[in-house]
Protein backbone atom coordinates (compact mmCIF):
# COMPACT_ATOMS: atom_id res chain seq x y z
CA UNK A 1 0.03 -0.23 0.08
CA UNK A 2 1.13 3.36 -0.63
CA UNK A 3 -0.01 6.98 0.62
CA UNK A 4 0.50 10.18 -1.40
CA UNK A 5 0.46 13.36 -0.26
CA UNK A 6 3.00 16.75 -0.60
CA UNK A 7 1.73 17.23 3.48
CA UNK A 8 4.34 14.37 5.51
CA UNK A 9 3.60 15.95 8.48
CA UNK A 10 0.02 14.33 8.10
CA UNK A 11 1.12 11.11 7.27
CA UNK A 12 2.62 10.79 10.79
CA UNK A 13 -0.76 11.20 12.42
CA UNK A 14 -2.12 9.07 10.11
CA UNK A 15 0.16 6.20 11.19
CA UNK A 16 -0.12 6.53 14.94
CA UNK A 17 -3.44 5.97 14.78
CA UNK A 18 -3.66 3.40 11.93
CA UNK A 19 -1.01 1.90 14.75
CA UNK A 20 -3.37 2.53 17.48
CA UNK A 21 -6.63 0.93 15.95
CA UNK A 22 -4.88 -2.13 14.89
CA UNK A 23 -3.33 -2.83 18.26
CA UNK A 24 -6.33 -2.52 19.98
CA UNK A 25 -8.28 -4.63 17.97
CA UNK A 26 -5.52 -7.40 17.58
CA UNK A 27 -5.46 -7.54 14.24
CA UNK A 28 -1.83 -6.29 13.08
CA UNK A 29 1.14 -4.76 14.84
CA UNK A 30 2.80 -1.82 13.29
CA UNK A 31 6.27 -0.76 13.18
CA UNK A 32 7.14 2.89 12.22
CA UNK A 33 10.53 3.10 10.35
CA UNK A 34 11.92 6.49 10.04
CA UNK A 35 14.81 7.05 7.33
CA UNK A 36 17.20 8.32 10.55
CA UNK A 37 16.85 4.80 11.68
CA UNK A 38 17.97 3.29 8.70
CA UNK A 39 22.00 3.68 8.49
CA UNK A 40 22.42 0.08 7.41
CA UNK A 41 20.24 -3.05 7.23
CA UNK A 42 21.21 -4.33 11.01
CA UNK A 43 19.75 -0.82 12.46
CA UNK A 44 16.67 -0.78 10.41
CA UNK A 45 15.94 -4.45 11.62
CA UNK A 46 16.38 -3.62 14.95
CA UNK A 47 14.13 -0.64 15.08
CA UNK A 48 11.57 -2.74 12.72
CA UNK A 49 11.64 -5.60 15.29
CA UNK A 50 11.35 -3.20 18.73
CA UNK A 51 8.32 -1.47 17.39
CA UNK A 52 6.87 -4.73 16.85
CA UNK A 53 7.27 -6.43 20.26
CA UNK A 54 7.40 -2.83 22.01
CA UNK A 55 4.23 -4.00 23.95
CA UNK A 56 6.46 -5.42 26.42
CA UNK A 57 5.96 -9.08 25.30
CA UNK A 58 9.76 -9.29 24.96
CA UNK A 59 12.90 -7.67 26.21
CA UNK A 60 14.42 -4.80 24.39
CA UNK A 61 16.74 -6.23 22.18
CA UNK A 62 16.84 -9.30 22.03
CA UNK A 63 14.31 -11.25 24.17
CA UNK A 64 12.72 -14.50 23.07
CA UNK A 65 9.32 -14.43 22.73
CA UNK A 66 8.83 -18.07 22.17
CA UNK A 67 10.38 -20.21 25.18
CA UNK A 68 13.19 -22.06 24.15
CA UNK A 69 14.76 -24.95 26.25
CA UNK A 70 18.09 -25.39 24.11
CA UNK A 71 19.56 -23.10 21.53
CA UNK A 72 21.46 -19.83 21.27
CA UNK A 73 20.16 -16.41 22.38
CA UNK A 74 18.75 -14.85 19.15
CA UNK A 75 20.55 -11.20 18.23
CA UNK A 76 18.52 -8.14 18.24
CA UNK A 77 18.23 -8.13 14.50
CA UNK A 78 17.33 -11.63 14.28
CA UNK A 79 13.68 -12.14 12.08
CA UNK A 80 13.61 -15.28 14.00
CA UNK A 81 12.16 -13.02 17.06
CA UNK A 82 9.28 -11.72 14.84
CA UNK A 83 8.61 -15.19 13.44
CA UNK A 84 8.64 -16.94 17.42
CA UNK A 85 5.57 -13.72 17.82
CA UNK A 86 3.64 -14.73 14.85
CA UNK A 87 3.49 -18.33 15.71
CA UNK A 88 2.06 -16.87 18.91
CA UNK A 89 -0.48 -14.69 17.48
CA UNK A 90 -1.75 -16.45 14.63
CA UNK A 91 -4.42 -14.13 13.06
CA UNK A 92 -2.04 -10.87 13.71
CA UNK A 93 -0.41 -9.03 10.61
CA UNK A 94 3.08 -7.61 10.58
CA UNK A 95 2.85 -3.89 9.10
CA UNK A 96 6.12 -2.22 8.01
CA UNK A 97 5.26 1.67 7.28
CA UNK A 98 8.07 3.77 6.08
CA UNK A 99 7.39 7.47 6.86
CA UNK A 100 9.25 9.17 4.40
CA UNK A 101 10.10 6.48 2.10
CA UNK A 102 12.11 9.08 -0.59
CA UNK A 103 14.57 9.73 2.19
CA UNK A 104 15.69 6.30 2.77
CA UNK A 105 18.87 5.31 1.57
CA UNK A 106 18.15 3.46 -1.71
CA UNK A 107 20.55 0.31 -1.41
CA UNK A 108 19.44 -0.23 2.16
CA UNK A 109 15.64 0.09 1.26
CA UNK A 110 16.32 -2.25 -1.56
CA UNK A 111 18.26 -4.68 0.71
CA UNK A 112 15.14 -4.15 3.75
CA UNK A 113 12.39 -5.11 1.38
CA UNK A 114 14.61 -8.14 -0.43
CA UNK A 115 15.11 -9.76 3.09
CA UNK A 116 11.82 -9.33 4.23
CA UNK A 117 10.11 -10.69 1.47
CA UNK A 118 12.14 -13.84 1.40
CA UNK A 119 10.38 -14.04 4.84
CA UNK A 120 7.06 -13.62 3.55
CA UNK A 121 5.93 -17.43 3.54
CA UNK A 122 6.24 -17.19 7.59
CA UNK A 123 5.50 -13.67 8.73
CA UNK A 124 2.71 -12.03 7.01
CA UNK A 125 4.30 -8.66 6.10
CA UNK A 126 2.47 -5.61 4.87
CA UNK A 127 4.30 -2.85 3.40
CA UNK A 128 3.06 0.99 4.38
CA UNK A 129 4.82 3.66 1.88
CA UNK A 130 4.48 7.26 2.57
CA UNK A 131 5.84 9.07 -0.68
CA UNK A 132 5.80 13.01 -0.12
CA UNK A 133 6.54 13.72 -3.92
CA UNK A 134 5.71 11.86 -6.86
CA UNK A 135 5.29 8.21 -6.92
CA UNK A 136 7.87 8.11 -10.38
CA UNK A 137 10.34 9.58 -7.82
CA UNK A 138 9.97 6.54 -5.30
CA UNK A 139 9.40 4.16 -8.39
CA UNK A 140 13.23 5.15 -9.49
CA UNK A 141 14.84 3.85 -6.17
CA UNK A 142 13.50 0.35 -6.43
CA UNK A 143 15.42 -2.43 -8.07
CA UNK A 144 14.08 -4.10 -11.48
CA UNK A 145 13.17 -7.26 -9.74
CA UNK A 146 10.95 -5.35 -7.48
CA UNK A 147 9.11 -2.81 -10.05
CA UNK A 148 7.94 -5.62 -12.50
CA UNK A 149 5.43 -6.88 -9.71
CA UNK A 150 3.56 -3.79 -10.54
CA UNK A 151 3.17 -5.02 -14.35
CA UNK A 152 1.14 -8.25 -12.93
CA UNK A 153 -2.72 -7.50 -13.38
CA UNK A 154 -4.39 -7.03 -9.96
CA UNK A 155 -8.01 -7.49 -9.51
CA UNK A 156 -7.65 -4.72 -6.58
CA UNK A 157 -6.30 -2.38 -8.94
CA UNK A 158 -9.17 -2.41 -11.14
CA UNK A 159 -11.93 -2.22 -8.53
CA UNK A 160 -10.26 0.77 -6.70
CA UNK A 161 -10.03 2.83 -9.89
CA UNK A 162 -13.56 2.16 -10.69
CA UNK A 163 -14.38 3.26 -7.01
CA UNK A 164 -12.27 6.64 -7.64
CA UNK A 165 -14.42 7.02 -10.79
CA UNK A 166 -17.88 6.59 -8.63
CA UNK A 167 -16.48 8.97 -5.68
CA UNK A 168 -15.66 11.48 -8.88
CA UNK A 169 -19.20 11.40 -9.40
CA UNK A 170 -19.80 11.74 -6.00
CA UNK A 171 -21.59 8.22 -5.83
CA UNK A 172 -20.03 7.30 -2.39
CA UNK A 173 -22.88 4.83 -1.31
CA UNK A 174 -22.23 2.61 -4.19
CA UNK A 175 -18.06 2.44 -3.51
CA UNK A 176 -19.27 1.56 0.29
CA UNK A 177 -21.48 -1.24 -1.00
CA UNK A 178 -18.70 -2.75 -3.46
CA UNK A 179 -16.15 -3.10 -0.46
CA UNK A 180 -18.49 -4.35 1.93
CA UNK A 181 -20.77 -6.66 0.12
CA UNK A 182 -19.41 -9.50 -2.29
CA UNK A 183 -22.26 -10.37 -3.71
CA UNK A 184 -23.10 -7.04 -4.67
CA UNK A 185 -19.36 -6.60 -6.00
CA UNK A 186 -19.77 -9.74 -8.10
CA UNK A 187 -23.35 -8.71 -9.52
CA UNK A 188 -21.77 -5.19 -10.47
CA UNK A 189 -18.85 -7.17 -11.98
CA UNK A 190 -21.21 -8.96 -14.23
CA UNK A 191 -23.49 -6.21 -15.01
CA UNK A 192 -20.61 -3.59 -15.96
CA UNK A 193 -19.24 -6.42 -18.24
CA UNK A 194 -22.67 -6.95 -20.20
CA UNK A 195 -22.58 -3.41 -20.52
CA UNK A 196 -18.88 -3.13 -21.91
CA UNK A 197 -19.92 -5.47 -24.14
CA UNK A 198 -23.09 -3.43 -25.31
CA UNK A 199 -20.69 -0.59 -25.53
CA UNK A 200 -17.95 -2.41 -27.69
CA UNK A 201 -21.06 -3.71 -30.16
CA UNK A 202 -22.04 -0.14 -30.57
CA UNK A 203 -18.62 1.05 -31.16
CA UNK A 204 -18.26 -1.35 -34.10
CA UNK A 205 -21.62 -0.27 -35.67
CA UNK A 206 -20.51 3.16 -35.28
CA UNK A 207 -17.25 2.39 -37.13
CA UNK A 208 -19.08 0.72 -39.96
CA UNK A 209 -21.47 3.39 -40.13
CA UNK A 210 -18.41 5.98 -40.50
CA UNK A 211 -16.98 3.80 -43.02
CA UNK A 212 -19.86 4.12 -45.13
CA UNK A 213 -20.19 7.52 -44.55
CA UNK A 214 -16.84 8.15 -45.65
CA UNK A 215 -17.37 6.40 -49.12
CA UNK A 216 -20.60 8.25 -49.48
CA UNK A 217 -19.21 11.83 -49.45
CA UNK A 218 -16.28 10.60 -51.68
CA UNK A 219 -13.52 11.84 -49.86
CA UNK A 220 -10.38 11.16 -52.24
CA UNK A 221 -8.86 8.26 -49.92
CA UNK A 222 -10.79 6.21 -48.19
CA UNK A 223 -9.36 4.16 -45.45
CA UNK A 224 -9.82 0.45 -45.16
CA UNK A 225 -12.01 -1.00 -42.44
CA UNK A 226 -9.27 -2.62 -40.43
CA UNK A 227 -7.81 0.71 -40.37
CA UNK A 228 -10.30 2.11 -38.64
CA UNK A 229 -10.84 -0.24 -36.36
CA UNK A 230 -7.78 -0.08 -35.30
CA UNK A 231 -7.57 3.32 -34.45
CA UNK A 232 -11.03 2.83 -32.74
CA UNK A 233 -9.72 0.06 -30.60
CA UNK A 234 -7.02 2.95 -29.62
CA UNK A 235 -9.28 5.36 -28.57
CA UNK A 236 -7.78 7.51 -31.45
CA UNK A 237 -10.37 7.15 -33.82
CA UNK A 238 -12.72 10.57 -32.95
CA UNK A 239 -9.50 13.06 -33.30
CA UNK A 240 -7.84 11.20 -36.16
CA UNK A 241 -7.99 12.54 -40.10
CA UNK A 242 -10.53 10.30 -41.09
CA UNK A 243 -13.62 11.81 -38.78
CA UNK A 244 -12.51 15.37 -39.34
CA UNK A 245 -12.50 14.87 -43.51
CA UNK A 246 -15.91 13.31 -42.94
CA UNK A 247 -17.73 15.92 -40.80
CA UNK A 248 -16.28 18.45 -43.09
CA UNK A 249 -17.25 16.79 -46.28
CA UNK A 250 -20.79 16.21 -44.66
CA UNK A 251 -21.22 19.95 -44.77
CA UNK A 252 -20.03 20.13 -48.17
CA UNK A 253 -22.66 17.39 -49.59
CA UNK A 254 -24.98 18.15 -52.67
CA UNK A 255 -28.51 16.98 -52.49
CA UNK A 256 -28.19 14.25 -54.49
CA UNK A 257 -25.46 12.47 -52.83
CA UNK A 258 -27.89 13.76 -49.31
CA UNK A 259 -30.46 11.40 -50.25
CA UNK A 260 -28.54 8.30 -50.26
CA UNK A 261 -26.22 9.41 -47.34
CA UNK A 262 -29.61 9.84 -45.10
CA UNK A 263 -30.52 5.93 -46.31
CA UNK A 264 -27.70 4.76 -45.42
CA UNK A 265 -27.63 6.53 -42.10
CA UNK A 266 -31.14 5.47 -41.11
CA UNK A 267 -30.52 2.96 -38.41
CA UNK A 268 -27.85 4.87 -36.74
CA UNK A 269 -29.66 8.08 -36.85
CA UNK A 270 -33.29 7.99 -35.73
CA UNK A 271 -33.53 12.02 -36.77
CA UNK A 272 -32.78 11.17 -40.76
CA UNK A 273 -36.38 10.02 -41.13
CA UNK A 274 -37.59 13.43 -40.05
CA UNK A 275 -34.60 14.98 -42.45
CA UNK A 276 -35.32 13.26 -45.19
CA UNK A 277 -39.04 14.28 -45.26
CA UNK A 278 -37.94 17.83 -45.22
CA UNK A 279 -35.05 17.36 -48.11
CA UNK A 280 -38.27 15.82 -50.34
CA UNK A 281 -40.40 18.90 -49.37
CA UNK A 282 -37.85 21.24 -50.61
CA UNK A 283 -36.58 19.22 -53.67
CA UNK A 284 -40.02 19.06 -54.95
CA UNK A 285 -39.99 22.86 -54.81
CA UNK A 286 -36.81 23.15 -56.21
CA UNK A 287 -36.22 25.08 -59.73
CA UNK A 288 -33.66 24.11 -61.52
CA UNK A 289 -32.14 21.09 -62.61
CA UNK A 290 -28.55 21.23 -60.56
CA UNK A 291 -28.06 20.01 -57.09
CA UNK A 292 -28.43 22.29 -54.32
CA UNK A 293 -25.23 23.17 -52.38
CA UNK A 294 -25.03 24.20 -49.01
CA UNK A 295 -22.99 27.74 -47.93
CA UNK A 296 -19.68 25.54 -47.16
CA UNK A 297 -19.08 24.27 -50.85
CA UNK A 298 -16.08 25.84 -52.67
CA UNK A 299 -18.13 26.79 -55.25
CA UNK A 300 -19.52 29.52 -52.83
CA UNK A 301 -16.96 31.07 -51.98
CA UNK A 302 -15.33 34.17 -53.67
CA UNK A 303 -12.01 35.87 -53.96
CA UNK A 304 -11.56 39.55 -54.06
CA UNK A 305 -8.14 41.56 -54.56
CA UNK A 306 -7.79 45.07 -53.60
CA UNK A 307 -4.87 47.50 -53.58
CA UNK A 308 -4.23 49.00 -49.94
CA UNK A 309 -1.26 51.40 -49.59
CA UNK A 310 0.02 50.22 -52.95
CA UNK A 311 -0.28 46.41 -51.99
CA UNK A 312 -2.23 43.42 -53.15
CA UNK A 313 -5.12 42.08 -50.37
CA UNK A 314 -6.52 39.16 -51.11
CA UNK A 315 -10.24 38.70 -49.35
CA UNK A 316 -12.49 35.99 -49.44
CA UNK A 317 -16.19 36.46 -49.66
CA UNK A 318 -19.42 34.38 -49.83
CA UNK A 319 -21.71 34.78 -52.58
CA UNK A 320 -25.43 35.54 -51.34
CA UNK A 321 -27.49 32.07 -50.89
CA UNK A 322 -31.24 31.70 -52.63
CA UNK A 323 -33.76 30.61 -50.06
CA UNK A 324 -33.47 26.95 -51.30
CA UNK A 325 -29.90 26.93 -50.79
CA UNK A 326 -30.33 28.27 -47.22
CA UNK A 327 -32.63 25.98 -46.21
CA UNK A 328 -30.79 23.24 -47.53
CA UNK A 329 -27.96 24.20 -45.29
CA UNK A 330 -29.91 24.09 -42.31
CA UNK A 331 -30.78 20.34 -43.23
CA UNK A 332 -27.36 19.66 -43.70
CA UNK A 333 -26.24 21.38 -40.02
CA UNK A 334 -29.03 19.59 -38.49
CA UNK A 335 -27.11 16.36 -40.12
CA UNK A 336 -23.55 17.28 -39.10
CA UNK A 337 -24.80 17.88 -35.54
CA UNK A 338 -26.41 14.51 -35.17
CA UNK A 339 -23.80 12.57 -36.80
CA UNK A 340 -20.96 14.26 -34.79
CA UNK A 341 -22.78 13.81 -31.75
CA UNK A 342 -23.29 10.20 -32.47
CA UNK A 343 -19.43 9.92 -33.23
CA UNK A 344 -18.93 11.30 -29.78
CA UNK A 345 -21.41 9.19 -27.44
CA UNK A 346 -19.79 5.57 -29.02
CA UNK A 347 -16.51 6.34 -30.13
CA UNK A 348 -14.91 5.71 -26.87
CA UNK A 349 -11.76 4.52 -25.12
CA UNK A 350 -12.34 0.85 -24.56
CA UNK A 351 -9.73 1.23 -21.67
CA UNK A 352 -11.84 3.34 -19.60
CA UNK A 353 -14.65 0.93 -19.33
CA UNK A 354 -14.78 -0.80 -16.28
CA UNK A 355 -13.43 -4.84 -16.49
CA UNK A 356 -12.43 -3.96 -20.21
CA UNK A 357 -9.82 -6.72 -19.33
CA UNK A 358 -12.34 -9.49 -19.65
CA UNK A 359 -14.28 -8.70 -22.91
CA UNK A 360 -11.60 -7.13 -24.47
CA UNK A 361 -8.35 -8.96 -26.67
CA UNK A 362 -5.84 -6.21 -27.96
CA UNK A 363 -3.31 -8.39 -27.65
CA UNK A 364 -0.88 -7.79 -30.51
CA UNK A 365 0.17 -11.53 -30.58
CA UNK A 366 -1.47 -14.05 -33.03
CA UNK A 367 -4.43 -15.38 -31.60
CA UNK A 368 -3.59 -18.66 -31.78
CA UNK A 369 -0.37 -18.36 -29.83
CA UNK A 370 -2.51 -16.95 -26.93
CA UNK A 371 -5.40 -19.43 -26.67
CA UNK A 372 -3.57 -22.25 -27.74
CA UNK A 373 0.05 -21.63 -26.07
CA UNK A 374 3.15 -23.90 -26.04
CA UNK A 375 3.85 -23.74 -22.12
CA UNK A 376 7.12 -26.03 -23.01
CA UNK A 377 8.57 -23.71 -25.92
CA UNK A 378 7.71 -20.75 -24.22
CA UNK A 379 9.20 -21.79 -20.63
CA UNK A 380 12.53 -22.75 -22.77
CA UNK A 381 12.79 -19.48 -25.02
CA UNK A 382 11.98 -17.63 -21.89
CA UNK A 383 15.31 -19.74 -19.86
CA UNK A 384 17.16 -19.26 -23.48
CA UNK A 385 16.49 -15.82 -24.05
CA UNK A 386 15.47 -14.14 -20.95
CA UNK A 387 15.71 -10.37 -22.50
CA UNK A 388 12.51 -11.34 -24.52
CA UNK A 389 10.99 -11.31 -21.58
CA UNK A 390 12.31 -9.07 -18.99
CA UNK A 391 12.57 -5.18 -19.07
CA UNK A 392 16.16 -4.83 -19.50
CA UNK A 393 17.09 -1.40 -20.81
CA UNK A 394 18.11 -0.78 -24.49
CA UNK A 395 21.86 -0.38 -23.19
CA UNK A 396 22.30 -3.86 -21.74
CA UNK A 397 23.18 -6.61 -23.58
CA UNK A 398 24.55 -9.86 -22.98
CA UNK A 399 25.63 -12.96 -24.35
CA UNK A 400 25.00 -16.59 -23.61
CA UNK A 401 26.86 -17.54 -20.28
CA UNK A 402 26.87 -14.10 -19.11
CA UNK A 403 26.61 -12.71 -15.08
CA UNK A 404 23.99 -10.53 -16.14
CA UNK A 405 21.91 -13.41 -16.74
CA UNK A 406 19.23 -14.35 -14.22
CA UNK A 407 21.00 -17.10 -12.33
CA UNK A 408 18.18 -19.94 -13.40
CA UNK A 409 18.52 -18.92 -16.80
CA UNK A 410 22.67 -19.05 -16.59
CA UNK A 411 22.53 -22.39 -14.63
CA UNK A 412 19.85 -23.66 -17.54
CA UNK A 413 22.60 -23.06 -20.07
CA UNK A 414 25.21 -24.60 -18.44
CA UNK A 415 22.96 -27.47 -17.87
CA UNK A 416 22.44 -27.70 -21.95
CA UNK A 417 25.87 -28.05 -22.29
CA UNK A 418 26.24 -31.08 -19.83
CA UNK A 419 25.56 -34.59 -20.77
CA UNK A 420 22.72 -37.01 -18.91
CA UNK A 421 24.77 -36.92 -15.71
CA UNK A 422 25.90 -33.88 -14.22
CA UNK A 423 28.52 -33.60 -11.42
CA UNK A 424 26.98 -31.41 -8.73
CA UNK A 425 30.25 -29.91 -7.99
CA UNK A 426 31.06 -29.07 -11.37
CA UNK A 427 28.09 -27.61 -11.88
CA UNK A 428 28.56 -25.43 -9.01
CA UNK A 429 32.01 -24.34 -10.04
CA UNK A 430 31.61 -23.49 -13.48
CA UNK A 431 28.29 -21.76 -12.19
CA UNK A 432 30.40 -19.71 -9.73
CA UNK A 433 33.61 -18.93 -12.12
CA UNK A 434 31.11 -16.97 -14.41
CA UNK A 435 28.92 -15.24 -11.54
CA UNK A 436 31.99 -14.35 -8.94
CA UNK A 437 34.56 -13.91 -12.00
CA UNK A 438 38.27 -13.81 -11.29
CA UNK A 439 39.08 -14.74 -7.70
CA UNK A 440 35.52 -13.88 -6.81
CA UNK A 441 35.69 -10.27 -6.94
CA UNK A 442 32.28 -9.99 -8.56
CA UNK A 443 29.88 -11.80 -5.76
CA UNK A 444 31.02 -13.75 -2.51
CA UNK A 445 31.00 -17.47 -2.71
CA UNK A 446 28.24 -17.30 -0.06
CA UNK A 447 25.86 -15.34 -1.92
CA UNK A 448 26.25 -17.07 -5.01
CA UNK A 449 26.09 -20.62 -3.48
CA UNK A 450 22.78 -19.51 -2.28
CA UNK A 451 21.91 -18.52 -6.04
CA UNK A 452 23.15 -21.86 -7.33
CA UNK A 453 20.70 -23.52 -4.82
CA UNK A 454 17.53 -21.35 -5.73
CA UNK A 455 18.53 -22.03 -8.98
CA UNK A 456 18.73 -25.69 -9.42
CA UNK A 457 15.66 -26.07 -7.10
CA UNK A 458 13.81 -24.21 -9.95
CA UNK A 459 14.93 -26.67 -12.76
CA UNK A 460 14.25 -29.59 -10.52
CA UNK A 461 10.28 -27.95 -9.46
CA UNK A 462 10.15 -27.72 -13.72
CA UNK A 463 10.92 -31.37 -14.32
CA UNK A 464 14.15 -31.00 -15.73
CA UNK A 465 16.82 -32.90 -13.46
CA UNK A 466 16.70 -35.18 -10.67
CA UNK A 467 19.02 -36.79 -8.16
CA UNK A 468 20.81 -39.39 -9.35
CA UNK A 469 20.12 -43.14 -7.79
CA UNK A 470 23.66 -44.64 -9.27
CA UNK A 471 25.72 -41.71 -8.49
CA UNK A 472 24.80 -39.55 -5.42
CA UNK A 473 26.94 -36.50 -6.16
CA UNK A 474 25.61 -36.05 -9.72
CA UNK A 475 22.28 -34.71 -11.42
CA UNK A 476 20.39 -36.72 -13.83
CA UNK A 477 18.76 -35.04 -16.90
CA UNK A 478 15.19 -35.59 -17.34
CA UNK A 479 14.75 -33.71 -20.56
CA UNK A 480 16.10 -32.23 -24.02
CA UNK A 481 15.46 -28.95 -25.48
CA UNK A 482 13.10 -29.44 -28.26
CA UNK A 483 12.39 -32.82 -27.44
């Protein structure tokens, strides 16, 4: 969770009230961390543990909350202290509140979040960040492995975005019911899915009407239907050149073309029946064989040149319209206004619809690859070429067997180069040579060994290796790429 606001002093009172309320009802323990307490990782861990256990359940700086008959006394920065507390208070969560997160040293903040997240399966942590200026500045301090979490679809984020829209419309009662009543939430979700599908159907109907109108008004270059649909799905159609040219051409349409256009738009615009009747009455009393033109037609514009102060000045003017042309211009203006309103109402931004992720498919991937994926091929490709999936910067390039790759990817590529049986020590040494560099200056051996164990466990979990029964110090390969 993240609290935003330029007034950082207001966050102090908010956190104090939150801590008092949660301790009163026994739902959570709140530890409030400040940048001054985060000079290094050990210091901030001490402050965190002291903040959670400050109710007197343990001695400050290292009392063990669970009775242990044997074993060493835990250090004051050991998270096992919190683990023991959680085991005694199963229903409580541990809320870690960062008052002024932007003032924290980025290295300490990254290490702390990574360490606490590694204990998340044993200690139910909840992070609360106070951001005083902008969310972008805060995200710039986080590592890429942390920021990638924000790319994962989150149903709660969809609900909160919709709730904010309702609050903007002063509809707070509906927001309260959405948060409190699960049945009402499910009913509203299904209703908005149906409403979204209906809105998309109207949008596609509008696109077809626009395409037909574009052809009737005889614009020089008519785009194909797929181009119009792509712009409509991107929410860019109404502001595009296509709509601008069409609306401009409607103002200049002649009476013989208008009759066919009104027939085409009869289904989309109910006003066309009345306009068609007015046009028929006007044409019945028209004199002459030439079609009627509006005041916006190019033939109704005159150019006049005058000399002012020995300079040539070009001015535009309009010829006087006849009574019939004036009446015809009113009919065209009514059609133009009705068609423009129809486009505004139906050419919506699809991604602004609540629950659009459910009914709108806008991926660029082929449909076959999306709805009938090949999981093994995808997993092998991700392990062989992680840059195809991970958001590396444009300046970050690496070759195979590079220390810049994720640990699992590196171990997988070493695994591909080995035979049916792989000596674990040889595999580890090859892994550490690449990760640690010469003399291990890039990474210490303990850290590299943890990365190696995790990568090997992930390969085992994916069914690629298992321990050999014939040789206890070997791994047996279970799969080969492409087979």
